[in-house]
C-alpha atoms as a PDB file:
ATOM      1  CA  UNK A   1      70.547  41.501 197.527  1.00  0.00           C
ATOM      2  CA  UNK A   2      68.590  42.796 200.234  1.00  0.00           C
ATOM      3  CA  UNK A   3      65.202  44.432 200.237  1.00  0.00           C
ATOM      4  CA  UNK A   4      66.525  48.030 199.873  1.00  0.00           C
ATOM      5  CA  UNK A   5      68.455  47.148 196.758  1.00  0.00           C
ATOM      6  CA  UNK A   6      65.442  45.393 195.221  1.00  0.00           C
ATOM      7  CA  UNK A   7      63.271  48.375 196.038  1.00  0.00           C
ATOM      8  CA  UNK A   8      65.922  50.604 194.412  1.00  0.00           C
ATOM      9  CA  UNK A   9      65.943  48.395 191.300  1.00  0.00           C
ATOM     10  CA  UNK A  10      62.147  48.489 191.114  1.00  0.00           C
ATOM     11  CA  UNK A  11      62.159  52.272 191.539  1.00  0.00           C
ATOM     12  CA  UNK A  12      64.847  52.577 188.845  1.00  0.00           C
ATOM     13  CA  UNK A  13      62.783  50.380 186.492  1.00  0.00           C
ATOM     14  CA  UNK A  14      59.661  52.408 187.191  1.00  0.00           C
ATOM     15  CA  UNK A  15      61.620  55.603 186.569  1.00  0.00           C
ATOM     16  CA  UNK A  16      62.942  54.139 183.281  1.00  0.00           C
ATOM     17  CA  UNK A  17      59.395  53.254 182.222  1.00  0.00           C
ATOM     18  CA  UNK A  18      58.245  56.757 183.126  1.00  0.00           C
ATOM     19  CA  UNK A  19      61.078  58.275 181.061  1.00  0.00           C
ATOM     20  CA  UNK A  20      60.199  56.054 178.063  1.00  0.00           C
ATOM     21  CA  UNK A  21      56.497  56.877 178.305  1.00  0.00           C
ATOM     22  CA  UNK A  22      57.257  60.620 178.539  1.00  0.00           C
ATOM     23  CA  UNK A  23      59.893  60.498 175.803  1.00  0.00           C
ATOM     24  CA  UNK A  24      57.356  59.611 173.083  1.00  0.00           C
ATOM     25  CA  UNK A  25      55.247  62.815 173.475  1.00  0.00           C
ATOM     26  CA  UNK A  26      58.378  64.901 173.903  1.00  0.00           C
ATOM     27  CA  UNK A  27      59.777  63.520 170.617  1.00  0.00           C
ATOM     28  CA  UNK A  28      56.453  64.198 168.858  1.00  0.00           C
ATOM     29  CA  UNK A  29      56.426  67.711 170.318  1.00  0.00           C
ATOM     30  CA  UNK A  30      59.963  68.196 169.027  1.00  0.00           C
ATOM     31  CA  UNK A  31      58.878  67.215 165.517  1.00  0.00           C
ATOM     32  CA  UNK A  32      55.967  69.644 165.745  1.00  0.00           C
ATOM     33  CA  UNK A  33      58.285  72.438 166.856  1.00  0.00           C
ATOM     34  CA  UNK A  34      60.650  71.602 163.962  1.00  0.00           C
ATOM     35  CA  UNK A  35      57.754  71.739 161.472  1.00  0.00           C
ATOM     36  CA  UNK A  36      56.592  75.061 162.918  1.00  0.00           C
ATOM     37  CA  UNK A  37      60.144  76.403 162.663  1.00  0.00           C
ATOM     38  CA  UNK A  38      60.360  75.333 159.018  1.00  0.00           C
ATOM     39  CA  UNK A  39      56.988  76.938 158.267  1.00  0.00           C
ATOM     40  CA  UNK A  40      58.067  80.191 159.888  1.00  0.00           C
ATOM     41  CA  UNK A  41      61.360  80.148 157.963  1.00  0.00           C
ATOM     42  CA  UNK A  42      59.484  79.503 154.697  1.00  0.00           C
ATOM     43  CA  UNK A  43      57.045  82.310 155.505  1.00  0.00           C
ATOM     44  CA  UNK A  44      59.947  84.658 156.220  1.00  0.00           C
ATOM     45  CA  UNK A  45      61.617  83.779 152.913  1.00  0.00           C
ATOM     46  CA  UNK A  46      58.405  84.345 150.945  1.00  0.00           C
ATOM     47  CA  UNK A  47      57.330  87.485 152.823  1.00  0.00           C
ATOM     48  CA  UNK A  48      60.527  89.426 152.133  1.00  0.00           C
ATOM     49  CA  UNK A  49      59.997  89.849 148.354  1.00  0.00           C
ATOM     50  CA  UNK A  50      56.277  90.431 148.895  1.00  0.00           C
ATOM     51  CA  UNK A  51      56.964  93.297 151.293  1.00  0.00           C
ATOM     52  CA  UNK A  52      59.524  94.665 148.849  1.00  0.00           C
ATOM     53  CA  UNK A  53      56.867  94.647 146.098  1.00  0.00           C
ATOM     54  CA  UNK A  54      54.401  96.349 148.457  1.00  0.00           C
ATOM     55  CA  UNK A  55      56.978  99.053 149.235  1.00  0.00           C
ATOM     56  CA  UNK A  56      57.573  99.608 145.507  1.00  0.00           C
ATOM     57  CA  UNK A  57      53.830  99.820 144.881  1.00  0.00           C
ATOM     58  CA  UNK A  58      53.364 102.329 147.706  1.00  0.00           C
ATOM     59  CA  UNK A  59      56.219 104.459 146.322  1.00  0.00           C
ATOM     60  CA  UNK A  60      54.609 104.383 142.847  1.00  0.00           C
ATOM     61  CA  UNK A  61      51.242 105.351 144.318  1.00  0.00           C
ATOM     62  CA  UNK A  62      52.853 108.241 146.187  1.00  0.00           C
ATOM     63  CA  UNK A  63      54.558 109.421 142.991  1.00  0.00           C
ATOM     64  CA  UNK A  64      51.252 109.200 141.101  1.00  0.00           C
ATOM     65  CA  UNK A  65      49.470 111.108 143.865  1.00  0.00           C
ATOM     66  CA  UNK A  66      52.111 113.811 143.567  1.00  0.00           C
ATOM     67  CA  UNK A  67      51.446 114.049 139.839  1.00  0.00           C
ATOM     68  CA  UNK A  68      47.696 114.173 140.474  1.00  0.00           C
ATOM     69  CA  UNK A  69      48.257 116.995 142.954  1.00  0.00           C
ATOM     70  CA  UNK A  70      50.254 118.926 140.352  1.00  0.00           C
ATOM     71  CA  UNK A  71      47.471 118.335 137.793  1.00  0.00           C
ATOM     72  CA  UNK A  72      44.817 119.478 140.271  1.00  0.00           C
ATOM     73  CA  UNK A  73      46.832 122.612 140.987  1.00  0.00           C
ATOM     74  CA  UNK A  74      46.882 123.322 137.237  1.00  0.00           C
ATOM     75  CA  UNK A  75      43.136 122.713 137.007  1.00  0.00           C
ATOM     76  CA  UNK A  76      42.522 125.051 139.936  1.00  0.00           C
ATOM     77  CA  UNK A  77      44.567 127.775 138.221  1.00  0.00           C
ATOM     78  CA  UNK A  78      42.545 127.325 135.018  1.00  0.00           C
ATOM     79  CA  UNK A  79      39.284 127.384 137.014  1.00  0.00           C
ATOM     80  CA  UNK A  80      40.346 130.665 138.600  1.00  0.00           C
ATOM     81  CA  UNK A  81      40.866 132.066 135.094  1.00  0.00           C
ATOM     82  CA  UNK A  82      37.461 130.747 134.006  1.00  0.00           C
ATOM     83  CA  UNK A  83      35.899 132.358 137.086  1.00  0.00           C
ATOM     84  CA  UNK A  84      37.454 135.680 136.100  1.00  0.00           C
ATOM     85  CA  UNK A  85      36.181 135.308 132.526  1.00  0.00           C
ATOM     86  CA  UNK A  86      32.715 134.393 133.798  1.00  0.00           C
ATOM     87  CA  UNK A  87      32.700 137.409 136.102  1.00  0.00           C
ATOM     88  CA  UNK A  88      33.652 139.703 133.215  1.00  0.00           C
ATOM     89  CA  UNK A  89      30.983 138.132 131.009  1.00  0.00           C
ATOM     90  CA  UNK A  90      28.429 138.758 133.756  1.00  0.00           C
ATOM     91  CA  UNK A  91      29.459 142.420 133.908  1.00  0.00           C
ATOM     92  CA  UNK A  92      29.208 142.722 130.120  1.00  0.00           C
ATOM     93  CA  UNK A  93      25.771 141.093 130.167  1.00  0.00           C
ATOM     94  CA  UNK A  94      24.607 143.492 132.882  1.00  0.00           C
ATOM     95  CA  UNK A  95      25.929 146.448 130.898  1.00  0.00           C
ATOM     96  CA  UNK A  96      24.189 145.239 127.716  1.00  0.00           C
ATOM     97  CA  UNK A  97      20.944 144.760 129.636  1.00  0.00           C
ATOM     98  CA  UNK A  98      21.187 148.260 131.067  1.00  0.00           C
ATOM     99  CA  UNK A  99      21.982 149.701 127.649  1.00  0.00           C
ATOM    100  CA  UNK A 100      19.057 147.901 126.025  1.00  0.00           C
ATOM    101  CA  UNK A 101      16.757 149.206 128.770  1.00  0.00           C
ATOM    102  CA  UNK A 102      17.977 152.758 128.165  1.00  0.00           C
ATOM    103  CA  UNK A 103      17.601 152.421 124.381  1.00  0.00           C
ATOM    104  CA  UNK A 104      14.152 150.901 124.751  1.00  0.00           C
ATOM    105  CA  UNK A 105      13.056 153.688 127.066  1.00  0.00           C
ATOM    106  CA  UNK A 106      14.507 156.375 124.791  1.00  0.00           C
ATOM    107  CA  UNK A 107      13.275 154.942 121.504  1.00  0.00           C
ATOM    108  CA  UNK A 108      10.022 153.298 122.511  1.00  0.00           C
ATOM    109  CA  UNK A 109       8.057 156.429 123.378  1.00  0.00           C
ATOM    110  CA  UNK A 110       8.841 158.340 120.142  1.00  0.00           C
ATOM    111  CA  UNK A 111       8.399 155.195 118.051  1.00  0.00           C
ATOM    112  CA  UNK A 112       4.998 154.569 119.563  1.00  0.00           C
ATOM    113  CA  UNK A 113       4.011 158.162 118.783  1.00  0.00           C
ATOM    114  CA  UNK A 114       5.267 157.921 115.195  1.00  0.00           C
ATOM    115  CA  UNK A 115       3.512 154.584 114.699  1.00  0.00           C
ATOM    116  CA  UNK A 116       0.274 155.987 116.139  1.00  0.00           C
ATOM    117  CA  UNK A 117       0.500 159.075 113.952  1.00  0.00           C
ATOM    118  CA  UNK A 118       1.130 156.919 110.861  1.00  0.00           C
ATOM    119  CA  UNK A 119      -1.836 154.696 111.680  1.00  0.00           C
ATOM    120  CA  UNK A 120      -4.101 157.680 112.256  1.00  0.00           C
ATOM    121  CA  UNK A 121      -2.954 159.318 109.014  1.00  0.00           C
ATOM    122  CA  UNK A 122      -3.646 156.154 106.996  1.00  0.00           C
ATOM    123  CA  UNK A 123      -7.028 155.775 108.625  1.00  0.00           C
ATOM    124  CA  UNK A 124      -7.943 159.394 107.823  1.00  0.00           C
ATOM    125  CA  UNK A 125      -6.815 159.065 104.175  1.00  0.00           C
ATOM    126  CA  UNK A 126      -8.802 155.839 103.771  1.00  0.00           C
ATOM    127  CA  UNK A 127     -11.861 157.430 105.367  1.00  0.00           C
ATOM    128  CA  UNK A 128     -11.601 160.436 103.055  1.00  0.00           C
ATOM    129  CA  UNK A 129     -11.348 158.201  99.971  1.00  0.00           C
ATOM    130  CA  UNK A 130     -14.253 156.100 101.155  1.00  0.00           C
ATOM    131  CA  UNK A 131     -16.307 159.157 102.141  1.00  0.00           C
ATOM    132  CA  UNK A 132     -16.639 160.297  98.515  1.00  0.00           C
ATOM    133  CA  UNK A 133     -17.772 156.840  97.452  1.00  0.00           C
ATOM    134  CA  UNK A 134     -20.157 156.624 100.431  1.00  0.00           C
ATOM    135  CA  UNK A 135     -21.748 159.975  99.481  1.00  0.00           C
ATOM    136  CA  UNK A 136     -22.229 158.833  95.913  1.00  0.00           C
ATOM    137  CA  UNK A 137     -23.776 155.538  97.033  1.00  0.00           C
ATOM    138  CA  UNK A 138     -26.136 157.321  99.452  1.00  0.00           C
ATOM    139  CA  UNK A 139     -27.143 159.827  96.856  1.00  0.00           C
ATOM    140  CA  UNK A 140     -27.872 157.046  94.373  1.00  0.00           C
ATOM    141  CA  UNK A 141     -29.952 155.151  96.930  1.00  0.00           C
ATOM    142  CA  UNK A 142     -31.955 158.314  97.763  1.00  0.00           C
ATOM    143  CA  UNK A 143     -32.635 158.990  94.111  1.00  0.00           C
ATOM    144  CA  UNK A 144     -33.896 155.429  93.569  1.00  0.00           C
ATOM    145  CA  UNK A 145     -36.170 155.701  96.558  1.00  0.00           C
ATOM    146  CA  UNK A 146     -37.603 158.985  95.302  1.00  0.00           C
ATOM    147  CA  UNK A 147     -38.083 157.560  91.847  1.00  0.00           C
ATOM    148  CA  UNK A 148     -40.080 154.648  93.210  1.00  0.00           C
ATOM    149  CA  UNK A 149     -42.545 156.842  95.050  1.00  0.00           C
END
């Protein structure tokens, strides 16, 4: 063996050592990639039913929102009816207020006059009744005073 062959054998040995040293991390990296692949496959298997459940839930929510919209439309129709009733009640109240104002204006003035006349009449009758008694009392007092003198 000459020197070139020995150098070739040494280079081949060094290359073999390099391959062995590099093979260990490559094998570990391969195991890591296999574990990651298994985790992704497991995640895919578990995610499928979960997404199916989410789709079902979203469809149920959309159906419920449709029902809520129908209910709100019904409520809005009823509120429009209530607004109409309230408007009519406001008109009736305004008409009653106007009518009561007219009746008060028409009836108040004559009633006040009748009440005043009745009060004055009672006062005059009472004064007339009391006037006779007052005259008698005054006459009696004058007679007593004259008798004392």
